[in-house]
Amino acid sequence: MGFAQFSLRRGSWRTAANWTQEALAMNYGMSVSASGTLAALHRLDTLSNNLANAETPGFQADFALAMQRPAPSAAADAPDLGPNALLARLGGGLFTAPNRVDVRPGPMERTEDPFHIALEGNGWLRVEGETGSTEYTRDGRLLVDAEGRLVHAASGQPMLDDGGAMITMDPNAIPVIQADGTILENGLPVAKLGVDLLPAEGLQKIGGGLVRLVQGQASAATSHIHQGMLEGSSVNPIRAMTDLIETNRAAQANLELLRMHDTTLDLAWNTLARPV
């Protein structure tokens, strides 16, 4: 007696939940392999982006996170698995979680450019976002635009002082930036760079070397600022390349398992399910 006939005689067409017993039993391995593949591909994308920014000043690497998917029996509408109840004890594979930013500082590199600064410690420079919100960066490449505003070079967004206001300067002046963030122009203080401490779990990258705080609270920081230096990327290229190779192998292994499950299902439906 074939699988389909057996299912019909058991009344599996009475409800979708009953039919799920057989579908879940046969597709469990495929589902887990698929979730593993998706998690590995997400990690590949993250590692590739990290590696591409290994030379980007102030770049903070991303951690690709994954969480265990609950077992099928944990779902609110989980069907009675009947003879397949052992499946209830198995996990449901993986699903990706939002990336987390690696807030460990990168190495400092001397440039002797007066518009380059590096932060010692875990502080973040305040930047005004396009909508007026406060955003942050560790990329200390600055410049003065045509309007006399001190801006973040990579994004073009204005830098903010410790009071949350934009910083204006003489475009022809060469600034002196002291260790506490005070900016001197022609020997006189004009502003003090705003620097905050941010919770690592609340950061969201928005491009252009900027992050946004989406969870938690910022607090004022007193980071030591070095003029004429830049913070390098926190990415370790050798480690990133090694992780990339290992993750690619994991993705290939899960894809091979998917092909094996597909072959098994094809055999089950087209051979075992034939009337005898």
Foldseek 3Di string as FASTA:
>chain_A
DAPVVVCVVVVQVVDPLSVVLVVCVLCQLLQQLVQLLVLLVVVLVQLVVLLVQQFPFQAWRKDWDKDWAAQLVPDPPHHDNVVVCVSSVDTRHIHTDDIFTHQDFFDKDFQQQQQFKAWDDRKWFWWQDPVRDTKTARWRRWAQDPVQWIHDVQVRTFTAAQVGDTFGDDRPFRWDAAQQQFIDTPRHTRGGIWIWHADRRQWDDDDSRIIDGRDDDIGGDRTGMDGRMTTGYRDDNVVSVVVSVVSVVSSVVSVVSSVVSVVVVCCSVVPRRDDD
